Protein backbone atom coordinates (compact mmCIF):
# COMPACT_ATOMS: atom_id res chain seq x y z
CA MET A 1 88.33 126.80 103.99
CA LEU A 2 88.78 126.92 100.23
CA ASP A 3 86.33 127.43 97.40
CA THR A 4 88.88 126.49 94.74
CA LEU A 5 92.12 124.58 94.42
CA ASP A 6 94.96 126.99 93.62
CA ALA A 7 98.71 126.38 93.24
CA ALA A 8 99.38 127.03 96.92
CA ALA A 9 96.72 124.49 97.87
CA VAL A 10 98.30 121.91 95.54
CA ARG A 11 101.63 122.44 97.29
CA ARG A 12 100.01 122.04 100.71
CA TRP A 13 98.16 118.93 99.56
CA CYS A 14 101.37 117.29 98.35
CA ALA A 15 103.19 118.14 101.60
CA SER A 16 100.30 117.04 103.79
CA GLY A 17 99.81 113.83 101.80
CA LEU A 18 103.48 112.98 102.07
CA THR A 19 103.41 113.59 105.82
CA ALA A 20 100.40 111.27 106.15
CA LEU A 21 102.04 108.55 104.09
CA ARG A 22 105.22 108.75 106.14
CA ARG A 23 103.19 108.60 109.35
CA HIS A 24 101.38 105.47 108.17
CA GLN A 25 104.22 103.96 106.10
CA GLY A 26 104.77 101.03 108.47
CA GLU A 27 101.06 100.36 108.75
CA ILE A 28 100.69 100.17 104.96
CA ASP A 29 103.77 97.99 104.70
CA GLU A 30 102.12 95.58 107.15
CA LEU A 31 99.21 94.96 104.77
CA ASN A 32 100.76 91.71 103.62
CA VAL A 33 99.25 89.41 101.03
CA TYR A 34 102.02 87.21 99.65
CA PRO A 35 104.92 85.73 101.67
CA VAL A 36 107.27 86.98 98.95
CA PRO A 37 108.38 90.61 99.00
CA ASP A 38 108.21 93.19 96.22
CA GLY A 39 109.21 96.45 97.89
CA ASP A 40 106.62 97.39 100.50
CA THR A 41 103.71 99.49 99.28
CA GLY A 42 103.96 102.14 101.99
CA THR A 43 107.62 102.69 101.22
CA ASN A 44 106.93 102.81 97.48
CA LEU A 45 104.23 105.44 97.92
CA VAL A 46 106.44 107.56 100.16
CA LEU A 47 109.26 107.45 97.62
CA THR A 48 106.88 108.31 94.78
CA LEU A 49 105.32 111.30 96.51
CA THR A 50 108.71 112.47 97.77
CA SER A 51 109.77 112.77 94.13
CA ALA A 52 106.54 114.66 93.39
CA GLN A 53 107.26 117.13 96.18
CA GLN A 54 110.80 117.66 94.93
CA ALA A 55 109.42 118.47 91.48
CA LEU A 56 107.05 120.99 93.06
CA ALA A 57 110.06 122.81 94.47
CA MET A 58 110.64 124.12 90.95
CA ASP A 59 109.69 127.73 90.21
CA LEU A 60 105.99 128.06 89.53
CA GLY A 61 106.24 131.69 88.51
CA THR A 62 106.79 130.99 84.80
CA LEU A 63 103.86 129.34 83.07
CA PRO A 64 104.31 127.10 80.03
CA GLU A 65 103.44 128.44 76.62
CA ASP A 66 100.35 126.24 76.32
CA GLY A 67 98.54 128.54 78.75
CA ALA A 68 98.27 126.25 81.74
CA THR A 69 97.04 127.89 84.92
CA PRO A 70 99.24 128.16 88.04
CA HIS A 71 97.36 125.30 89.69
CA GLY A 72 97.58 123.31 86.45
CA GLN A 73 101.32 123.82 86.28
CA ALA A 74 101.67 122.75 89.91
CA LEU A 75 99.68 119.58 89.25
CA ARG A 76 101.77 118.85 86.16
CA LEU A 77 104.99 119.19 88.11
CA MET A 78 103.59 116.97 90.84
CA ALA A 79 102.52 114.32 88.32
CA ARG A 80 105.79 114.47 86.39
CA GLY A 81 107.83 114.12 89.58
CA ALA A 82 105.70 111.17 90.67
CA LEU A 83 106.20 109.46 87.30
CA LEU A 84 109.98 109.83 87.39
CA GLY A 85 110.19 108.70 91.02
CA ALA A 86 107.50 106.03 90.92
CA ARG A 87 108.40 102.78 92.68
CA GLY A 88 106.40 99.59 92.37
CA ASN A 89 102.90 99.12 91.00
CA SER A 90 101.38 101.40 93.60
CA GLY A 91 103.72 104.28 92.80
CA VAL A 92 103.21 103.97 89.05
CA ILE A 93 99.42 103.91 89.40
CA LEU A 94 99.52 106.90 91.78
CA SER A 95 101.55 108.84 89.21
CA GLN A 96 98.81 108.18 86.64
CA ILE A 97 96.07 109.31 89.01
CA LEU A 98 97.97 112.57 89.46
CA ARG A 99 98.51 112.86 85.71
CA GLY A 100 94.79 112.42 85.09
CA LEU A 101 94.06 115.23 87.54
CA ALA A 102 96.70 117.46 85.95
CA ASP A 103 95.45 116.87 82.41
CA ALA A 104 91.83 117.57 83.36
CA LEU A 105 92.45 120.64 85.51
CA GLY A 106 95.40 122.20 83.67
CA ALA A 107 93.37 124.74 81.69
CA VAL A 108 90.34 125.03 84.02
CA PRO A 109 90.27 128.61 85.35
CA THR A 110 88.66 127.71 88.68
CA VAL A 111 88.71 124.28 90.30
CA ALA A 112 85.23 124.01 91.76
CA GLY A 113 83.39 120.87 92.81
CA ARG A 114 82.16 119.66 89.43
CA ALA A 115 85.54 120.28 87.79
CA LEU A 116 87.25 118.19 90.45
CA ALA A 117 84.67 115.42 90.04
CA ALA A 118 85.31 115.31 86.30
CA ALA A 119 89.06 115.28 86.94
CA LEU A 120 88.71 112.33 89.33
CA ARG A 121 86.90 110.44 86.58
CA ASP A 122 89.78 111.17 84.17
CA ALA A 123 92.23 110.11 86.86
CA THR A 124 90.36 106.82 87.23
CA ALA A 125 90.52 106.20 83.49
CA ALA A 126 94.27 106.92 83.48
CA ALA A 127 94.84 104.52 86.38
CA TYR A 128 92.91 101.69 84.73
CA ALA A 129 94.69 102.29 81.42
CA ALA A 130 98.06 101.99 83.14
CA VAL A 131 97.51 98.37 84.18
CA ALA A 132 97.75 95.58 81.62
CA ARG A 133 95.17 93.45 83.49
CA PRO A 134 93.14 95.58 85.92
CA VAL A 135 91.99 93.81 89.08
CA GLU A 136 89.09 94.95 91.27
CA GLY A 137 89.63 95.10 94.99
CA THR A 138 92.74 97.22 94.50
CA VAL A 139 93.51 100.94 94.42
CA LEU A 140 91.66 101.00 91.08
CA SER A 141 88.37 100.22 92.82
CA VAL A 142 89.07 102.87 95.44
CA VAL A 143 89.75 105.69 92.97
CA ALA A 144 86.72 104.66 90.88
CA ALA A 145 84.47 104.84 93.95
CA ALA A 146 85.87 108.27 94.84
CA ALA A 147 85.12 109.57 91.33
CA THR A 148 81.57 108.20 91.37
CA ALA A 149 80.81 109.79 94.74
CA ALA A 150 82.22 113.12 93.58
CA GLU A 151 80.02 113.05 90.47
CA GLN A 152 76.93 112.08 92.45
CA ALA A 153 77.45 115.05 94.78
CA ASP A 154 76.56 117.16 91.72
CA THR A 155 77.65 120.50 93.15
CA ASP A 156 80.30 123.14 92.61
CA ASP A 157 80.92 123.33 96.34
CA LEU A 158 84.48 122.03 96.55
CA ARG A 159 84.23 121.08 100.22
CA THR A 160 81.20 118.88 99.64
CA VAL A 161 82.84 117.11 96.72
CA VAL A 162 86.17 116.33 98.42
CA ARG A 163 84.35 115.06 101.53
CA ALA A 164 82.13 112.82 99.39
CA ALA A 165 85.08 111.47 97.41
CA ALA A 166 87.22 110.73 100.47
CA GLY A 167 84.34 109.19 102.40
CA GLU A 168 83.36 106.81 99.61
CA ALA A 169 87.01 105.92 99.02
CA ALA A 170 87.24 104.80 102.65
CA ARG A 171 84.12 102.67 102.27
CA ALA A 172 85.45 101.19 99.02
CA LEU A 173 88.70 100.33 100.79
CA ALA A 174 86.75 98.44 103.45
CA ARG A 175 85.09 96.42 100.66
CA THR A 176 88.33 95.36 98.97
CA PRO A 177 88.59 92.03 100.86
CA GLU A 178 85.15 91.13 99.46
CA GLN A 179 86.44 91.72 95.92
CA LEU A 180 89.87 90.12 96.13
CA PRO A 181 90.11 86.68 97.78
CA ALA A 182 93.82 87.11 98.52
CA LEU A 183 92.98 90.08 100.74
CA ALA A 184 90.24 88.15 102.52
CA ARG A 185 92.60 85.23 103.20
CA ALA A 186 95.23 87.60 104.55
CA GLY A 187 92.71 89.52 106.63
CA VAL A 188 93.75 92.94 105.28
CA VAL A 189 92.54 95.69 102.98
CA ASP A 190 94.37 96.76 99.83
CA ALA A 191 97.61 98.58 100.65
CA GLY A 192 97.60 100.88 97.62
CA GLY A 193 93.98 101.79 98.27
CA ARG A 194 94.86 102.66 101.86
CA GLY A 195 97.54 105.02 100.61
CA LEU A 196 95.12 106.73 98.23
CA CYS A 197 92.61 107.19 101.06
CA LEU A 198 95.28 108.98 103.09
CA LEU A 199 95.94 111.32 100.16
CA LEU A 200 92.25 112.08 99.72
CA ASP A 201 91.88 112.73 103.45
CA ALA A 202 94.84 115.10 103.19
CA LEU A 203 93.00 116.93 100.40
CA VAL A 204 89.93 117.22 102.64
CA GLU A 205 92.09 118.74 105.37
CA VAL A 206 93.63 121.27 102.94
CA VAL A 207 90.24 122.32 101.54
CA THR A 208 88.13 122.30 104.72
CA GLY A 209 90.70 122.78 107.47
CA GLU A 210 89.38 119.65 109.19
CA ARG A 211 90.94 116.22 109.42
CA PRO A 212 88.41 113.43 108.71
CA PRO A 213 88.09 111.18 111.79
CA ARG A 214 88.72 107.75 110.32
CA PRO A 215 89.99 104.70 112.23
CA ALA A 216 92.94 102.90 110.69
CA PRO A 217 92.03 99.60 109.04
CA VAL A 218 92.80 96.50 111.07
CA THR A 219 96.05 94.74 110.14
CA ARG A 220 97.41 91.45 111.33
CA THR A 221 99.44 91.69 114.49
CA ALA A 222 101.69 88.75 113.65
CA ARG A 223 103.94 88.91 110.66
CA PRO A 224 105.87 85.94 109.25
CA PRO A 225 109.62 86.51 109.63
CA LEU A 226 111.57 87.76 106.64
CA THR A 227 108.52 88.40 104.51
CA ALA A 228 106.94 91.49 103.07
CA VAL A 229 104.21 92.35 100.62
CA ARG A 230 104.29 91.61 96.93
CA GLU A 231 102.07 94.32 95.54
CA SER A 232 100.64 92.33 92.65
CA GLY A 233 101.24 89.44 90.30
CA SER A 234 101.79 85.75 90.82
CA THR A 235 104.61 84.13 92.79
CA GLU A 236 106.04 82.32 89.77
CA TYR A 237 108.22 85.28 88.76
CA ALA A 238 111.40 85.91 90.72
CA TYR A 239 112.37 89.49 89.80
CA GLU A 240 110.85 92.95 89.69
CA VAL A 241 112.32 95.11 86.93
CA GLN A 242 111.57 98.82 86.70
CA PHE A 243 113.12 101.55 84.58
CA LEU A 244 112.48 104.88 82.92
CA LEU A 245 112.52 104.85 79.13
CA ASP A 246 112.87 107.58 76.50
CA ALA A 247 111.23 106.16 73.38
CA PRO A 248 108.53 106.87 70.75
CA TYR A 249 105.05 105.47 71.19
CA GLY A 250 105.30 102.88 68.41
CA ALA A 251 108.45 101.34 69.85
CA VAL A 252 106.91 101.27 73.33
CA ALA A 253 103.85 99.45 72.04
CA ARG A 254 106.10 96.73 70.62
CA MET A 255 108.07 96.55 73.88
CA ARG A 256 104.85 96.26 75.89
CA ALA A 257 103.77 93.26 73.81
CA GLU A 258 107.17 91.61 74.29
CA LEU A 259 107.22 92.20 78.06
CA ALA A 260 103.71 90.76 78.34
CA THR A 261 105.11 87.45 77.11
CA LEU A 262 107.94 87.51 79.69
CA GLY A 263 106.02 88.02 82.94
CA ASP A 264 103.15 89.70 84.74
CA SER A 265 102.30 92.81 86.77
CA LEU A 266 103.14 94.81 83.65
CA VAL A 267 102.61 98.57 83.88
CA VAL A 268 103.88 100.96 81.18
CA VAL A 269 102.87 104.60 81.55
CA GLY A 270 103.94 107.80 79.82
CA ASP A 271 104.24 111.45 80.72
CA GLY A 272 101.94 112.90 78.07
CA ALA A 273 98.25 113.71 78.03
CA SER A 274 97.84 110.77 75.66
CA PRO A 275 100.06 107.75 74.93
CA GLU A 276 100.96 109.12 71.50
CA ALA A 277 102.20 112.37 73.08
CA SER A 278 104.47 110.68 75.62
CA THR A 279 108.24 110.58 75.27
CA THR A 280 109.24 109.40 78.77
CA TRP A 281 107.81 106.16 80.13
CA ASN A 282 107.89 104.32 83.44
CA VAL A 283 108.09 100.56 82.92
CA HIS A 284 107.37 97.97 85.63
CA VAL A 285 107.18 94.19 85.21
CA HIS A 286 107.75 90.94 87.12
CA VAL A 287 109.89 88.43 85.19
CA ASN A 288 112.29 85.53 85.50
CA ASP A 289 114.57 86.74 82.68
CA VAL A 290 115.93 90.14 83.74
CA GLY A 291 118.24 90.41 80.75
CA ALA A 292 115.40 89.92 78.26
CA ALA A 293 113.30 92.59 80.00
CA VAL A 294 116.13 95.14 79.92
CA GLU A 295 116.98 94.24 76.33
CA ALA A 296 113.36 94.87 75.36
CA GLY A 297 113.77 98.38 76.77
CA VAL A 298 117.05 98.88 74.89
CA ALA A 299 115.38 97.81 71.65
CA ALA A 300 112.63 100.39 72.20
CA GLY A 301 114.77 103.37 73.20
CA ARG A 302 117.01 104.57 76.03
CA PRO A 303 116.31 102.90 79.39
CA TYR A 304 117.77 104.46 82.54
CA ARG A 305 117.34 104.35 86.33
CA ILE A 306 117.08 100.57 85.97
CA ALA A 307 116.15 98.89 89.26
CA VAL A 308 116.11 95.11 89.66
CA THR A 309 114.84 93.41 92.81
CA ARG A 310 114.96 89.69 93.52
CA PHE A 311 111.94 88.95 95.69
CA ALA A 312 113.54 86.10 97.62
CA ASP A 313 116.40 88.29 98.86
CA GLN A 314 114.29 91.12 100.23
CA ALA A 315 113.17 91.31 103.83
CA ALA A 316 110.53 93.29 105.61
CA PRO A 317 111.66 96.42 107.49
CA ALA A 318 111.89 95.98 111.24
CA ALA A 319 112.91 98.01 114.25
CA ARG A 320 116.51 99.19 114.01
CA PRO A 321 117.64 100.14 117.52
CA ASP A 322 121.35 100.01 116.65
CA PRO A 323 122.19 101.93 113.46
CA ASP A 324 125.26 99.75 112.99
CA GLY A 325 124.12 96.54 114.65
CA PRO A 326 123.34 93.10 113.31
CA ALA A 327 120.22 92.99 111.16
CA VAL A 328 118.69 90.74 108.56
CA ASP A 329 116.80 93.67 107.10
CA GLY A 330 117.22 97.39 106.65
CA ARG A 331 120.29 96.90 104.45
CA ALA A 332 120.79 97.06 100.71
CA ALA A 333 123.46 97.06 98.05
CA VAL A 334 123.49 99.40 95.04
CA VAL A 335 125.73 98.24 92.20
CA VAL A 336 126.68 99.97 88.95
CA ALA A 337 126.56 97.63 85.95
CA ALA A 338 127.14 98.03 82.22
CA GLY A 339 125.59 95.02 80.50
CA ALA A 340 122.34 93.10 80.85
CA GLY A 341 124.06 89.87 81.89
CA ILE A 342 126.08 91.59 84.60
CA ALA A 343 122.93 93.34 85.82
CA GLU A 344 121.17 89.98 86.11
CA LEU A 345 124.07 88.53 88.10
CA PHE A 346 123.94 91.41 90.56
CA ALA A 347 120.17 91.19 90.81
CA GLY A 348 120.59 87.52 91.61
CA GLU A 349 122.69 88.61 94.59
CA GLY A 350 119.85 90.83 95.79
CA ALA A 351 121.40 94.14 94.70
CA THR A 352 119.73 97.19 93.18
CA VAL A 353 121.33 97.77 89.78
CA VAL A 354 122.14 101.16 88.23
CA PRO A 355 123.28 101.42 84.57
CA GLY A 356 126.89 102.31 83.83
CA ASN A 357 128.20 105.87 84.09
CA PRO A 358 125.42 107.15 86.38
CA SER A 359 125.03 110.69 87.67
CA THR A 360 125.13 111.53 91.35
CA GLY A 361 121.36 112.03 91.23
CA GLU A 362 120.74 108.64 89.65
CA LEU A 363 122.85 106.90 92.28
CA LEU A 364 121.12 108.86 95.04
CA ASP A 365 117.74 107.90 93.59
CA ALA A 366 118.77 104.24 93.67
CA ILE A 367 119.98 104.51 97.26
CA ARG A 368 116.73 106.13 98.37
CA ALA A 369 114.64 103.65 96.38
CA THR A 370 115.99 100.78 98.47
CA ALA A 371 114.25 102.32 101.52
CA ALA A 372 117.07 100.85 103.60
CA ALA A 373 118.80 102.57 106.51
CA ARG A 374 122.24 101.19 105.61
CA VAL A 375 123.42 100.87 102.02
CA VAL A 376 126.67 99.74 100.45
CA VAL A 377 127.53 101.11 96.99
CA LEU A 378 129.78 99.27 94.52
CA PRO A 379 130.81 101.65 91.68
CA ASN A 380 132.77 99.08 89.59
CA ASP A 381 134.66 101.77 87.70
CA PRO A 382 137.34 104.22 88.84
CA ASN A 383 135.49 107.02 87.03
CA THR A 384 132.34 106.33 89.06
CA GLN A 385 134.13 106.37 92.41
CA ALA A 386 133.81 110.14 92.94
CA VAL A 387 130.17 110.07 91.85
CA ALA A 388 129.45 107.30 94.36
CA ASN A 389 131.16 109.25 97.14
CA ALA A 390 129.12 112.36 96.32
CA ALA A 391 125.88 110.35 96.33
CA ALA A 392 126.87 108.82 99.68
CA LYS A 393 127.35 112.29 101.20
CA GLU A 394 123.94 113.40 99.96
CA ALA A 395 122.35 110.24 101.34
CA HIS A 396 123.92 110.87 104.75
CA ARG A 397 122.10 114.21 104.86
CA LEU A 398 118.87 112.28 104.36
CA GLY A 399 119.63 109.98 107.28
CA VAL A 400 120.84 106.99 105.26
CA LYS A 401 124.17 105.44 106.24
CA VAL A 402 126.08 104.69 103.03
CA SER A 403 129.49 103.08 102.59
CA VAL A 404 131.26 102.92 99.23
CA VAL A 405 133.37 99.84 98.57
CA PRO A 406 135.86 101.03 95.89
CA THR A 407 135.36 98.22 93.38
CA ARG A 408 137.00 98.90 90.01
CA SER A 409 135.48 96.00 88.05
CA PRO A 410 132.25 93.97 88.12
CA VAL A 411 134.23 90.85 89.04
CA GLN A 412 135.35 92.57 92.26
CA ALA A 413 131.74 93.41 93.05
CA LEU A 414 130.72 89.77 92.59
CA ALA A 415 133.44 88.79 95.05
CA ALA A 416 132.27 91.42 97.52
CA LEU A 417 128.60 90.46 97.29
CA ALA A 418 129.47 86.79 97.80
CA VAL A 419 130.72 87.45 101.35
CA ARG A 420 127.86 89.66 102.52
CA ASP A 421 126.50 88.58 105.87
CA PRO A 422 123.52 90.50 107.28
CA GLN A 423 124.15 88.98 110.71
CA ARG A 424 127.37 91.00 111.04
CA ARG A 425 127.55 94.60 112.13
CA PHE A 426 127.19 96.81 109.08
CA SER A 427 130.69 98.30 109.41
CA ASP A 428 132.20 94.82 109.78
CA ASP A 429 130.27 93.62 106.76
CA VAL A 430 131.57 96.53 104.67
CA ILE A 431 135.15 95.72 105.73
CA ALA A 432 134.67 92.07 104.75
CA MET A 433 133.29 93.11 101.36
CA ALA A 434 136.16 95.51 100.78
CA GLU A 435 138.69 92.81 101.67
CA ALA A 436 137.04 90.34 99.27
CA ALA A 437 137.02 92.92 96.49
CA GLY A 438 140.67 93.79 97.12
CA ALA A 439 141.66 90.13 97.03
CA CYS A 440 140.11 89.76 93.57
CA ARG A 441 142.57 90.76 90.86
CA TYR A 442 140.88 91.85 87.65
CA ALA A 443 141.73 92.12 83.96
CA GLU A 444 140.03 93.54 80.89
CA VAL A 445 140.59 92.50 77.28
CA CYS A 446 139.72 94.88 74.46
CA HIS A 447 140.82 96.04 71.01
CA ALA A 448 143.03 99.12 70.68
CA SER A 449 141.16 102.05 69.17
CA ARG A 450 144.27 104.03 68.17
CA GLU A 451 148.04 103.90 67.98
CA ALA A 452 149.70 104.43 71.35
CA LEU A 453 152.78 103.67 73.44
CA THR A 454 151.91 101.51 76.47
CA VAL A 455 153.97 100.02 79.29
CA ALA A 456 153.87 96.76 77.32
CA GLY A 457 155.10 98.44 74.14
CA PRO A 458 153.52 100.18 71.14
CA CYS A 459 150.08 99.16 69.90
CA ARG A 460 148.18 99.79 66.69
CA PRO A 461 144.44 100.13 66.06
CA GLY A 462 142.83 96.69 66.20
CA ASP A 463 145.50 95.08 68.37
CA VAL A 464 144.22 93.01 71.30
CA LEU A 465 145.10 94.63 74.63
CA ALA A 466 145.01 92.83 77.98
CA LEU A 467 144.91 95.22 80.93
CA VAL A 468 145.56 93.96 84.47
CA GLU A 469 144.48 96.30 87.27
CA GLY A 470 144.14 99.08 84.68
CA GLU A 471 147.60 98.75 83.09
CA VAL A 472 148.34 97.18 79.69
CA HIS A 473 150.27 93.94 80.31
CA LEU A 474 149.92 92.15 76.98
CA ILE A 475 149.48 93.15 73.34
CA GLY A 476 148.40 90.48 70.88
CA THR A 477 146.75 89.86 67.55
CA ASP A 478 144.50 86.90 68.41
CA LEU A 479 141.67 87.46 70.90
CA VAL A 480 141.48 83.90 72.30
CA ASP A 481 145.25 83.56 72.64
CA THR A 482 145.56 86.91 74.42
CA CYS A 483 142.72 86.10 76.79
CA ALA A 484 144.31 82.76 77.67
CA ALA A 485 147.71 84.40 78.13
CA VAL A 486 146.44 87.04 80.55
CA VAL A 487 144.68 84.38 82.65
CA ASP A 488 147.95 82.44 82.77
CA ARG A 489 149.81 85.54 83.90
CA MET A 490 147.28 86.22 86.65
CA LEU A 491 147.21 82.63 87.88
CA GLY A 492 151.01 82.64 87.97
CA GLY A 493 150.65 84.76 91.09
CA GLY A 494 148.23 82.28 92.68
CA GLY A 495 144.51 81.80 92.60
CA GLU A 496 141.75 79.25 93.14
CA LEU A 497 138.76 80.76 91.33
CA VAL A 498 138.54 82.43 87.91
CA THR A 499 135.47 84.41 86.86
CA LEU A 500 134.92 85.15 83.17
CA LEU A 501 132.38 87.70 81.89
CA SER A 502 131.97 87.69 78.11
CA GLY A 503 131.05 90.98 76.48
CA ALA A 504 128.31 91.99 74.07
CA ASP A 505 130.67 91.77 71.08
CA ALA A 506 132.54 88.65 72.17
CA PRO A 507 132.74 85.95 69.50
CA ASP A 508 130.82 82.77 70.18
CA GLY A 509 132.72 80.33 72.34
CA LEU A 510 135.30 82.80 73.69
CA ALA A 511 134.63 82.09 77.37
CA GLU A 512 134.44 78.35 76.75
CA SER A 513 137.79 78.40 74.94
CA VAL A 514 139.40 80.17 77.89
CA ARG A 515 137.70 77.79 80.32
CA ALA A 516 139.06 74.79 78.40
CA HIS A 517 142.54 76.34 78.43
CA VAL A 518 142.42 76.80 82.21
CA ALA A 519 141.21 73.20 82.67
CA ARG A 520 144.24 71.93 80.74
CA ARG A 521 146.84 74.27 82.22
CA TRP A 522 145.48 74.78 85.74
CA PRO A 523 143.42 71.64 86.55
CA PHE A 524 142.81 72.54 90.21
CA VAL A 525 141.41 76.01 89.49
CA GLU A 526 137.63 76.49 89.46
CA VAL A 527 136.19 78.54 86.57
CA HIS A 528 132.83 80.34 86.44
CA ALA A 529 131.81 81.83 83.09
CA TYR A 530 128.81 84.11 82.51
CA PRO A 531 127.45 86.22 79.64
CA GLY A 532 128.10 89.74 80.91
CA GLY A 533 126.91 91.75 77.93
CA GLN A 534 129.29 94.63 78.71
CA PRO A 535 130.29 96.93 75.84
CA TYR A 536 133.86 97.47 74.58
CA TYR A 537 135.44 94.57 76.50
CA PRO A 538 134.97 91.09 74.97
CA LEU A 539 136.19 89.55 78.23
CA LEU A 540 136.47 90.58 81.88
CA VAL A 541 138.51 88.32 84.15
CA GLY A 542 138.59 88.00 87.92
CA VAL A 543 141.01 85.82 89.88
CA GLU A 544 140.53 85.06 93.58
């Protein structure tokens, strides 16, 4: 039994809370509300707290210069890890609850009952501030009830306060269907609130040595096929976009206003004790225009760990008796993309998108964030191939089966994703994707940056280069003419479908000019043209 919350107790709380969330992950995922999925809440909370625990693995022996206590430093690490690993609304809000606790208790010498009660009130304020339009009957109501009960206990006895907070949180959770009609219609309690109750019960167990005897809330026994929970927001938006952002406060405020016009379920939270002090932000929004949401982040600062989920393509997790057998769920695709338009195309195929030139850790984070047992990775760049293989090895150690399809261009990835079939065995599906990617020849058109001798002859800075399968095949002076010429050369070897991805710096009408050329010269060839938004290459070409 503890009289105060020290650094060791914080570590035990995080580990115990994560164990509880993993134990009840499926139960929380079953708390369905909408028949459209948005990454199940239980899975999101597990991923968020897993990141918090990884951050706690850092050395706690060296305190920061601001004089934070050991327990304060542990809470800060826990909150920071949760922010960087947060997934979905529930994960982002949980990270802010932890940040509120860390900010309030960081310099407190001894965490007694009243100090914890005050910290829970700060945590509640941080959670409410994180949500653009707070809704009662959610995890917000649960954390507020916990804070009120802790304050009303009015004692420095830590055991009394944590019991009061956890007990009232459980009662508030039971009341959530009365506050939110969607919960009442579904016959469930709030999923995020259920997760918070498990964490508070874990804190009770760490402080008192006793596990509170609480029955699990009743969930529906029947679940509609191929559906999962959308954590919040209306069904009129098709995509969930989430990313980390390094940006100043003023730029983030402008981005927040722009994102509010694009969709709903908007949550933007920072890593500082106040918004003005934050430099890293976690951004979450539901939109129909993925490209506009990502571009808003680019305008504000440096977005990274971009994850895009199309609700209609996600499926609820189910039993997986055969790790390689047919399944309509439990699988995911992680695709590397440079360019907002390309990212939107991949998201439209149900893939999780990672920005170009990722690290092994960023790819591994994306693989884990899918919460799938079997994942295919499409690197789309020869330089990313080794990184993808390293991330796959790390994922295998975590029990996730990952296969890397060695795509060298986004057009090959589009071809691979087009033949995915979740009814096939996973290994067979990967083979089919690899065959489709290999059958797609690709070309890139760019401007020479320096004088060089290529296999097609010498080039000068500014010349137009057309590379086929990575080798320079044509050197020209006119962009449109060179693009048309390289398509002709590729179609000379056969082909029925041409895919054109115009780059960020492509002149207006480039793709349409090439499309018109193909229609005249190759009338039986189908052409698909999309704004890719990729840097450096005005046009990417795929021929199948």
